[in-house]
Amino acid sequence: MTDARVVYVGKKPSFSYVKAVMMAMKDGERLVRLQARGQAIGRAVDVAEICRRRHGIIASMLPEKVTIVDIKTDSVELEDADGRTKTVSSMYIELLGEGEMAEEE
């Protein structure tokens, strides 16, 4: 894996994570990794597509071009509250922002 700013995707609304990507890229980190496990994987895919298409007011402030440069899937073993081990799927999506960022109004 490369040195990328990591945004952990969970249960919040998608645009919360789009804003986190935008803030990371505004801080100069043009390579951002979305990381999700289990049911949050679908939301991570949605966030990546919103950023890539620059859809919405927040995403329109992203760099001129946002591309998905890498996608990795994996599984992790977690221990639940009862002490049992279960396997959970995980996904990493790396986004690269290229070009100038739009100015806030």
N, C-alpha and C. Protein backbone atom coordinates (compact mmCIF):
# COMPACT_ATOMS: atom_id res chain seq x y z
N MET A 1 0.83 -1.18 0.00
CA MET A 1 0.00 0.00 0.00
C MET A 1 0.88 1.25 0.00
N THR A 2 0.37 2.31 -0.57
CA THR A 2 1.11 3.56 -0.66
C THR A 2 0.79 4.46 0.53
N ASP A 3 1.55 5.55 0.68
CA ASP A 3 1.27 6.51 1.74
C ASP A 3 0.11 7.38 1.32
N ALA A 4 -1.05 7.06 1.83
CA ALA A 4 -2.25 7.81 1.50
C ALA A 4 -2.95 8.19 2.80
N ARG A 5 -3.65 9.30 2.78
CA ARG A 5 -4.49 9.67 3.92
C ARG A 5 -5.65 8.68 3.94
N VAL A 6 -5.96 8.13 5.10
CA VAL A 6 -7.01 7.11 5.21
C VAL A 6 -8.28 7.74 5.77
N VAL A 7 -9.41 7.46 5.10
CA VAL A 7 -10.72 7.85 5.58
C VAL A 7 -11.48 6.56 5.85
N TYR A 8 -11.80 6.32 7.12
CA TYR A 8 -12.53 5.11 7.50
C TYR A 8 -14.02 5.35 7.30
N VAL A 9 -14.65 4.52 6.49
CA VAL A 9 -16.06 4.66 6.16
C VAL A 9 -16.86 3.76 7.09
N GLY A 10 -17.89 4.34 7.72
CA GLY A 10 -18.73 3.60 8.65
C GLY A 10 -20.20 3.85 8.40
N LYS A 11 -20.92 4.26 9.45
CA LYS A 11 -22.38 4.37 9.38
C LYS A 11 -22.90 5.77 9.08
N LYS A 12 -22.03 6.76 9.05
CA LYS A 12 -22.49 8.14 8.78
C LYS A 12 -22.99 8.26 7.35
N PRO A 13 -23.71 9.34 7.04
CA PRO A 13 -24.16 9.57 5.65
C PRO A 13 -22.95 9.73 4.71
N SER A 14 -23.14 9.34 3.46
CA SER A 14 -22.06 9.35 2.47
C SER A 14 -21.36 10.69 2.35
N PHE A 15 -22.13 11.78 2.38
CA PHE A 15 -21.51 13.09 2.16
C PHE A 15 -20.60 13.51 3.31
N SER A 16 -20.71 12.88 4.48
CA SER A 16 -19.75 13.14 5.57
C SER A 16 -18.37 12.67 5.14
N TYR A 17 -18.32 11.53 4.46
CA TYR A 17 -17.04 10.98 4.00
C TYR A 17 -16.53 11.71 2.76
N VAL A 18 -17.45 12.19 1.91
CA VAL A 18 -17.04 13.01 0.76
C VAL A 18 -16.37 14.29 1.28
N LYS A 19 -16.94 14.86 2.34
CA LYS A 19 -16.35 16.07 2.92
C LYS A 19 -14.97 15.75 3.52
N ALA A 20 -14.81 14.58 4.13
CA ALA A 20 -13.51 14.18 4.68
C ALA A 20 -12.48 14.05 3.57
N VAL A 21 -12.88 13.50 2.42
CA VAL A 21 -11.98 13.38 1.26
C VAL A 21 -11.61 14.78 0.77
N MET A 22 -12.60 15.66 0.68
CA MET A 22 -12.36 17.02 0.20
C MET A 22 -11.41 17.76 1.14
N MET A 23 -11.58 17.60 2.46
CA MET A 23 -10.71 18.28 3.41
C MET A 23 -9.28 17.74 3.32
N ALA A 24 -9.13 16.43 3.13
CA ALA A 24 -7.79 15.84 2.99
C ALA A 24 -7.10 16.37 1.74
N MET A 25 -7.84 16.45 0.64
CA MET A 25 -7.24 16.94 -0.60
C MET A 25 -6.95 18.44 -0.51
N LYS A 26 -7.77 19.16 0.23
CA LYS A 26 -7.54 20.60 0.42
C LYS A 26 -6.27 20.83 1.24
N ASP A 27 -5.98 19.88 2.15
CA ASP A 27 -4.76 19.97 2.96
C ASP A 27 -3.51 19.53 2.20
N GLY A 28 -3.67 19.16 0.94
CA GLY A 28 -2.52 18.80 0.12
C GLY A 28 -2.33 17.30 -0.08
N GLU A 29 -3.14 16.48 0.56
CA GLU A 29 -3.06 15.03 0.39
C GLU A 29 -3.91 14.64 -0.81
N ARG A 30 -3.31 14.51 -1.97
CA ARG A 30 -4.08 14.22 -3.18
C ARG A 30 -4.38 12.73 -3.35
N LEU A 31 -3.73 11.87 -2.57
CA LEU A 31 -4.02 10.44 -2.61
C LEU A 31 -4.73 10.08 -1.30
N VAL A 32 -5.99 9.65 -1.42
CA VAL A 32 -6.82 9.35 -0.26
C VAL A 32 -7.33 7.92 -0.38
N ARG A 33 -7.24 7.16 0.72
CA ARG A 33 -7.73 5.78 0.72
C ARG A 33 -9.01 5.70 1.55
N LEU A 34 -10.08 5.22 0.93
CA LEU A 34 -11.31 4.91 1.65
C LEU A 34 -11.18 3.48 2.15
N GLN A 35 -11.46 3.26 3.41
CA GLN A 35 -11.32 1.94 3.98
C GLN A 35 -12.62 1.59 4.69
N ALA A 36 -13.18 0.40 4.38
CA ALA A 36 -14.46 0.00 4.96
C ALA A 36 -14.48 -1.50 5.21
N ARG A 37 -15.32 -1.89 6.17
CA ARG A 37 -15.51 -3.31 6.45
C ARG A 37 -17.00 -3.61 6.49
N GLY A 38 -17.33 -4.85 6.14
CA GLY A 38 -18.70 -5.34 6.27
C GLY A 38 -19.72 -4.53 5.50
N GLN A 39 -20.78 -4.13 6.21
CA GLN A 39 -21.89 -3.43 5.55
C GLN A 39 -21.51 -2.03 5.05
N ALA A 40 -20.42 -1.48 5.52
CA ALA A 40 -20.01 -0.14 5.10
C ALA A 40 -19.33 -0.14 3.73
N ILE A 41 -19.06 -1.33 3.18
CA ILE A 41 -18.39 -1.41 1.87
C ILE A 41 -19.23 -0.73 0.79
N GLY A 42 -20.51 -0.94 0.79
CA GLY A 42 -21.40 -0.31 -0.19
C GLY A 42 -21.34 1.20 -0.10
N ARG A 43 -21.29 1.73 1.11
CA ARG A 43 -21.21 3.19 1.30
C ARG A 43 -19.87 3.71 0.79
N ALA A 44 -18.79 2.95 0.98
CA ALA A 44 -17.47 3.37 0.48
C ALA A 44 -17.47 3.44 -1.04
N VAL A 45 -18.12 2.49 -1.69
CA VAL A 45 -18.23 2.52 -3.15
C VAL A 45 -19.02 3.75 -3.58
N ASP A 46 -20.12 4.06 -2.87
CA ASP A 46 -20.91 5.25 -3.18
C ASP A 46 -20.07 6.52 -3.03
N VAL A 47 -19.30 6.62 -1.97
CA VAL A 47 -18.45 7.79 -1.73
C VAL A 47 -17.43 7.94 -2.85
N ALA A 48 -16.81 6.83 -3.26
CA ALA A 48 -15.82 6.88 -4.34
C ALA A 48 -16.46 7.38 -5.64
N GLU A 49 -17.66 6.91 -5.93
CA GLU A 49 -18.34 7.33 -7.16
C GLU A 49 -18.79 8.79 -7.09
N ILE A 50 -19.24 9.24 -5.93
CA ILE A 50 -19.62 10.64 -5.77
C ILE A 50 -18.41 11.53 -6.00
N CYS A 51 -17.27 11.13 -5.43
CA CYS A 51 -16.04 11.91 -5.61
C CYS A 51 -15.57 11.88 -7.06
N ARG A 52 -15.61 10.71 -7.67
CA ARG A 52 -15.13 10.56 -9.05
C ARG A 52 -15.98 11.39 -10.01
N ARG A 53 -17.28 11.40 -9.79
CA ARG A 53 -18.18 12.16 -10.69
C ARG A 53 -18.33 13.62 -10.25
N ARG A 54 -17.76 13.95 -9.06
CA ARG A 54 -17.87 15.29 -8.50
C ARG A 54 -19.32 15.72 -8.43
N HIS A 55 -20.14 14.85 -7.85
CA HIS A 55 -21.59 15.06 -7.78
C HIS A 55 -21.95 15.75 -6.46
N GLY A 56 -22.65 16.84 -6.54
CA GLY A 56 -23.10 17.55 -5.33
C GLY A 56 -22.25 18.76 -5.02
N ILE A 57 -22.72 19.57 -4.10
CA ILE A 57 -22.06 20.84 -3.76
C ILE A 57 -20.69 20.59 -3.14
N ILE A 58 -20.60 19.67 -2.19
CA ILE A 58 -19.33 19.40 -1.52
C ILE A 58 -18.33 18.80 -2.50
N ALA A 59 -18.77 17.79 -3.26
CA ALA A 59 -17.86 17.11 -4.20
C ALA A 59 -17.42 18.03 -5.33
N SER A 60 -18.21 19.05 -5.65
CA SER A 60 -17.81 19.96 -6.73
C SER A 60 -16.59 20.79 -6.34
N MET A 61 -16.23 20.80 -5.05
CA MET A 61 -15.05 21.53 -4.60
C MET A 61 -13.79 20.65 -4.64
N LEU A 62 -13.92 19.41 -5.06
CA LEU A 62 -12.77 18.52 -5.22
C LEU A 62 -11.93 18.95 -6.41
N PRO A 63 -10.72 18.40 -6.57
CA PRO A 63 -9.91 18.75 -7.75
C PRO A 63 -10.64 18.45 -9.05
N GLU A 64 -10.15 19.06 -10.15
CA GLU A 64 -10.79 18.93 -11.45
C GLU A 64 -11.03 17.49 -11.87
N LYS A 65 -10.10 16.60 -11.54
CA LYS A 65 -10.23 15.20 -11.93
C LYS A 65 -9.92 14.32 -10.72
N VAL A 66 -10.84 13.43 -10.38
CA VAL A 66 -10.63 12.46 -9.30
C VAL A 66 -10.76 11.08 -9.93
N THR A 67 -9.71 10.28 -9.80
CA THR A 67 -9.73 8.94 -10.38
C THR A 67 -9.53 7.89 -9.29
N ILE A 68 -10.10 6.72 -9.56
CA ILE A 68 -9.90 5.57 -8.68
C ILE A 68 -8.66 4.86 -9.20
N VAL A 69 -7.60 4.85 -8.39
CA VAL A 69 -6.33 4.28 -8.85
C VAL A 69 -6.11 2.85 -8.36
N ASP A 70 -6.82 2.44 -7.32
CA ASP A 70 -6.62 1.09 -6.81
C ASP A 70 -7.81 0.66 -5.97
N ILE A 71 -8.17 -0.61 -6.09
CA ILE A 71 -9.21 -1.21 -5.27
C ILE A 71 -8.68 -2.55 -4.79
N LYS A 72 -8.75 -2.77 -3.48
CA LYS A 72 -8.31 -4.05 -2.93
C LYS A 72 -9.39 -4.58 -2.01
N THR A 73 -9.59 -5.89 -2.06
CA THR A 73 -10.51 -6.53 -1.14
C THR A 73 -9.72 -7.51 -0.27
N ASP A 74 -10.25 -7.75 0.90
CA ASP A 74 -9.57 -8.61 1.86
C ASP A 74 -10.62 -9.11 2.84
N SER A 75 -10.20 -9.92 3.77
CA SER A 75 -11.08 -10.31 4.87
C SER A 75 -10.27 -10.26 6.16
N VAL A 76 -10.96 -9.92 7.23
CA VAL A 76 -10.32 -9.77 8.52
C VAL A 76 -11.07 -10.64 9.54
N GLU A 77 -10.34 -11.23 10.44
CA GLU A 77 -10.98 -12.00 11.50
C GLU A 77 -11.13 -11.11 12.73
N LEU A 78 -12.38 -10.99 13.20
CA LEU A 78 -12.68 -10.17 14.38
C LEU A 78 -13.31 -11.05 15.45
N GLU A 79 -13.08 -10.66 16.69
CA GLU A 79 -13.69 -11.38 17.80
C GLU A 79 -14.90 -10.60 18.28
N ASP A 80 -16.06 -11.26 18.39
CA ASP A 80 -17.27 -10.56 18.84
C ASP A 80 -17.33 -10.54 20.37
N ALA A 81 -18.40 -9.97 20.92
CA ALA A 81 -18.53 -9.81 22.37
C ALA A 81 -18.56 -11.15 23.11
N ASP A 82 -19.02 -12.20 22.43
CA ASP A 82 -19.09 -13.54 23.04
C ASP A 82 -17.77 -14.28 22.96
N GLY A 83 -16.76 -13.69 22.35
CA GLY A 83 -15.46 -14.34 22.23
C GLY A 83 -15.32 -15.22 21.00
N ARG A 84 -16.34 -15.24 20.15
CA ARG A 84 -16.26 -16.03 18.92
C ARG A 84 -15.58 -15.21 17.82
N THR A 85 -14.86 -15.90 16.96
CA THR A 85 -14.17 -15.25 15.85
C THR A 85 -15.03 -15.33 14.61
N LYS A 86 -15.17 -14.20 13.93
CA LYS A 86 -15.89 -14.20 12.66
C LYS A 86 -15.08 -13.48 11.61
N THR A 87 -15.30 -13.84 10.37
CA THR A 87 -14.57 -13.26 9.26
C THR A 87 -15.44 -12.17 8.62
N VAL A 88 -14.85 -10.99 8.45
CA VAL A 88 -15.56 -9.85 7.87
C VAL A 88 -14.80 -9.37 6.64
N SER A 89 -15.52 -9.09 5.56
CA SER A 89 -14.90 -8.57 4.34
C SER A 89 -14.47 -7.13 4.56
N SER A 90 -13.40 -6.73 3.87
CA SER A 90 -12.95 -5.34 3.92
C SER A 90 -12.55 -4.90 2.52
N MET A 91 -12.57 -3.57 2.31
CA MET A 91 -12.25 -3.02 1.00
C MET A 91 -11.49 -1.72 1.18
N TYR A 92 -10.51 -1.51 0.29
CA TYR A 92 -9.73 -0.28 0.23
C TYR A 92 -9.90 0.30 -1.16
N ILE A 93 -10.26 1.57 -1.25
CA ILE A 93 -10.39 2.25 -2.53
C ILE A 93 -9.50 3.49 -2.47
N GLU A 94 -8.53 3.58 -3.39
CA GLU A 94 -7.64 4.74 -3.40
C GLU A 94 -8.08 5.71 -4.48
N LEU A 95 -8.23 6.96 -4.07
CA LEU A 95 -8.64 8.05 -4.97
C LEU A 95 -7.48 9.01 -5.14
N LEU A 96 -7.28 9.47 -6.36
CA LEU A 96 -6.24 10.45 -6.67
C LEU A 96 -6.88 11.68 -7.26
N GLY A 97 -6.62 12.83 -6.63
CA GLY A 97 -7.13 14.10 -7.13
C GLY A 97 -6.06 14.81 -7.94
N GLU A 98 -6.42 15.21 -9.16
CA GLU A 98 -5.48 15.91 -10.04
C GLU A 98 -6.07 17.23 -10.49
N GLY A 99 -5.25 18.24 -10.54
CA GLY A 99 -5.71 19.55 -11.00
C GLY A 99 -6.00 20.47 -9.83
N GLU A 100 -6.48 21.64 -10.16
CA GLU A 100 -6.78 22.66 -9.15
C GLU A 100 -8.09 22.36 -8.45
N MET A 101 -8.15 22.76 -7.19
CA MET A 101 -9.38 22.61 -6.43
C MET A 101 -10.23 23.84 -6.66
N ALA A 102 -11.54 23.64 -6.69
CA ALA A 102 -12.46 24.76 -6.85
C ALA A 102 -12.45 25.60 -5.57
N GLU A 103 -12.65 26.88 -5.71
CA GLU A 103 -12.68 27.78 -4.56
C GLU A 103 -14.05 27.72 -3.89
N GLU A 104 -14.04 27.86 -2.55
CA GLU A 104 -15.31 27.92 -1.82
C GLU A 104 -15.96 29.26 -2.07
N GLU A 105 -17.30 29.23 -2.10
CA GLU A 105 -18.04 30.47 -2.36
C GLU A 105 -18.47 31.12 -1.06
